[in-house]
């Protein structure tokens, strides 16, 4: 376990992996108050060193023949959903 994994675990975060291959639809998940999202690179996905930690996989459904999103776009969509579930408006 690396330093960031250890810190997240010690501080009670629930990990959510953005996984184009499956998992729950991101908008159908009830996120924990302390949520951390792990997004892999667009070419290689999530690093294998993360495979040993407990996590939930989520995906963003897409229409047509597109099979992946830019990692930054995916992270933004997930962050927006989590933020919205806790009634945070930015005002």
C-alpha atoms as a PDB file:
ATOM      1  CA  UNK A   1       0.000   0.000   0.000  1.00  0.00           C
ATOM      2  CA  UNK A   2       1.443   3.360  -0.981  1.00  0.00           C
ATOM      3  CA  UNK A   3       1.281   6.591   1.055  1.00  0.00           C
ATOM      4  CA  UNK A   4      -1.870   8.004  -0.557  1.00  0.00           C
ATOM      5  CA  UNK A   5      -3.704   4.683  -0.234  1.00  0.00           C
ATOM      6  CA  UNK A   6      -2.718   4.466   3.419  1.00  0.00           C
ATOM      7  CA  UNK A   7      -3.792   8.072   4.087  1.00  0.00           C
ATOM      8  CA  UNK A   8      -7.182   7.558   2.423  1.00  0.00           C
ATOM      9  CA  UNK A   9      -7.736   4.354   4.414  1.00  0.00           C
ATOM     10  CA  UNK A  10      -6.665   5.897   7.729  1.00  0.00           C
ATOM     11  CA  UNK A  11      -8.962   8.871   7.158  1.00  0.00           C
ATOM     12  CA  UNK A  12     -12.083   6.860   6.335  1.00  0.00           C
ATOM     13  CA  UNK A  13     -12.450   7.488   2.618  1.00  0.00           C
ATOM     14  CA  UNK A  14     -14.483   5.217   0.364  1.00  0.00           C
ATOM     15  CA  UNK A  15     -12.740   4.642  -2.970  1.00  0.00           C
ATOM     16  CA  UNK A  16     -14.584   4.742  -6.263  1.00  0.00           C
ATOM     17  CA  UNK A  17     -12.767   3.610  -9.398  1.00  0.00           C
ATOM     18  CA  UNK A  18     -13.833   5.086 -12.728  1.00  0.00           C
ATOM     19  CA  UNK A  19     -13.978   1.928 -14.825  1.00  0.00           C
ATOM     20  CA  UNK A  20     -15.075   2.005 -18.461  1.00  0.00           C
ATOM     21  CA  UNK A  21     -15.416  -1.788 -18.342  1.00  0.00           C
ATOM     22  CA  UNK A  22     -18.197  -1.917 -15.796  1.00  0.00           C
ATOM     23  CA  UNK A  23     -19.398  -1.414 -12.289  1.00  0.00           C
ATOM     24  CA  UNK A  24     -22.459   0.572 -11.289  1.00  0.00           C
ATOM     25  CA  UNK A  25     -23.733   3.489 -13.320  1.00  0.00           C
ATOM     26  CA  UNK A  26     -22.212   6.513 -11.582  1.00  0.00           C
ATOM     27  CA  UNK A  27     -25.542   8.295 -11.099  1.00  0.00           C
ATOM     28  CA  UNK A  28     -27.118   5.244  -9.408  1.00  0.00           C
ATOM     29  CA  UNK A  29     -24.550   5.183  -6.591  1.00  0.00           C
ATOM     30  CA  UNK A  30     -25.056   6.706  -3.154  1.00  0.00           C
ATOM     31  CA  UNK A  31     -21.629   8.176  -2.434  1.00  0.00           C
ATOM     32  CA  UNK A  32     -20.055   8.283   0.998  1.00  0.00           C
ATOM     33  CA  UNK A  33     -19.442  11.675   2.642  1.00  0.00           C
ATOM     34  CA  UNK A  34     -15.700  10.967   2.401  1.00  0.00           C
ATOM     35  CA  UNK A  35     -15.354   9.855  -1.213  1.00  0.00           C
ATOM     36  CA  UNK A  36     -12.203   9.577  -3.287  1.00  0.00           C
ATOM     37  CA  UNK A  37     -12.296   8.935  -7.019  1.00  0.00           C
ATOM     38  CA  UNK A  38      -9.476   7.086  -8.756  1.00  0.00           C
ATOM     39  CA  UNK A  39      -9.258   7.696 -12.510  1.00  0.00           C
ATOM     40  CA  UNK A  40      -6.651   5.942 -14.598  1.00  0.00           C
ATOM     41  CA  UNK A  41      -4.855   7.115 -17.682  1.00  0.00           C
ATOM     42  CA  UNK A  42      -6.775   7.102 -20.928  1.00  0.00           C
ATOM     43  CA  UNK A  43      -4.403   4.565 -22.471  1.00  0.00           C
ATOM     44  CA  UNK A  44      -3.642   2.189 -19.579  1.00  0.00           C
ATOM     45  CA  UNK A  45      -6.478   2.635 -17.093  1.00  0.00           C
ATOM     46  CA  UNK A  46      -5.979   2.460 -13.334  1.00  0.00           C
ATOM     47  CA  UNK A  47      -2.510   1.442 -12.196  1.00  0.00           C
ATOM     48  CA  UNK A  48      -2.243  -2.181 -10.982  1.00  0.00           C
ATOM     49  CA  UNK A  49      -0.912  -0.989  -7.590  1.00  0.00           C
ATOM     50  CA  UNK A  50      -4.484   0.127  -6.797  1.00  0.00           C
ATOM     51  CA  UNK A  51      -5.927  -3.350  -7.394  1.00  0.00           C
ATOM     52  CA  UNK A  52      -5.253  -4.470  -3.821  1.00  0.00           C
ATOM     53  CA  UNK A  53      -7.387  -1.809  -2.120  1.00  0.00           C
ATOM     54  CA  UNK A  54     -11.106  -2.132  -1.399  1.00  0.00           C
ATOM     55  CA  UNK A  55     -13.129  -0.055  -3.851  1.00  0.00           C
ATOM     56  CA  UNK A  56     -16.376   0.258  -5.757  1.00  0.00           C
ATOM     57  CA  UNK A  57     -16.307   0.537  -9.543  1.00  0.00           C
ATOM     58  CA  UNK A  58     -18.483   3.046 -11.374  1.00  0.00           C
ATOM     59  CA  UNK A  59     -18.882   3.841 -15.035  1.00  0.00           C
ATOM     60  CA  UNK A  60     -20.349   6.618 -17.136  1.00  0.00           C
ATOM     61  CA  UNK A  61     -22.663   5.229 -19.831  1.00  0.00           C
ATOM     62  CA  UNK A  62     -22.082   6.620 -23.302  1.00  0.00           C
ATOM     63  CA  UNK A  63     -24.150   6.640 -26.462  1.00  0.00           C
ATOM     64  CA  UNK A  64     -23.065   5.433 -29.860  1.00  0.00           C
ATOM     65  CA  UNK A  65     -19.714   3.852 -30.588  1.00  0.00           C
ATOM     66  CA  UNK A  66     -17.662   5.872 -28.102  1.00  0.00           C
ATOM     67  CA  UNK A  67     -16.085   3.567 -25.511  1.00  0.00           C
ATOM     68  CA  UNK A  68     -14.170   5.981 -23.277  1.00  0.00           C
ATOM     69  CA  UNK A  69     -13.944   9.573 -22.119  1.00  0.00           C
ATOM     70  CA  UNK A  70     -11.018  11.862 -21.526  1.00  0.00           C
ATOM     71  CA  UNK A  71      -9.818  11.172 -17.959  1.00  0.00           C
ATOM     72  CA  UNK A  72     -10.273  14.795 -16.901  1.00  0.00           C
ATOM     73  CA  UNK A  73     -13.820  14.891 -18.265  1.00  0.00           C
ATOM     74  CA  UNK A  74     -14.692  11.632 -16.501  1.00  0.00           C
ATOM     75  CA  UNK A  75     -13.270  12.907 -13.197  1.00  0.00           C
ATOM     76  CA  UNK A  76     -15.256  16.143 -13.552  1.00  0.00           C
ATOM     77  CA  UNK A  77     -18.527  14.295 -14.172  1.00  0.00           C
ATOM     78  CA  UNK A  78     -17.978  12.095 -11.129  1.00  0.00           C
ATOM     79  CA  UNK A  79     -16.980  15.018  -8.897  1.00  0.00           C
ATOM     80  CA  UNK A  80     -20.056  16.959 -10.000  1.00  0.00           C
ATOM     81  CA  UNK A  81     -22.325  14.009  -9.162  1.00  0.00           C
ATOM     82  CA  UNK A  82     -20.765  13.494  -5.722  1.00  0.00           C
ATOM     83  CA  UNK A  83     -20.946  17.215  -4.963  1.00  0.00           C
ATOM     84  CA  UNK A  84     -24.593  17.332  -6.017  1.00  0.00           C
ATOM     85  CA  UNK A  85     -25.578  14.461  -3.756  1.00  0.00           C
ATOM     86  CA  UNK A  86     -24.474  16.441  -0.732  1.00  0.00           C
ATOM     87  CA  UNK A  87     -26.344  19.593  -1.727  1.00  0.00           C
ATOM     88  CA  UNK A  88     -23.219  21.651  -2.330  1.00  0.00           C
ATOM     89  CA  UNK A  89     -24.018  24.514  -4.652  1.00  0.00           C
ATOM     90  CA  UNK A  90     -20.904  26.681  -4.697  1.00  0.00           C
ATOM     91  CA  UNK A  91     -22.777  29.763  -3.435  1.00  0.00           C
END
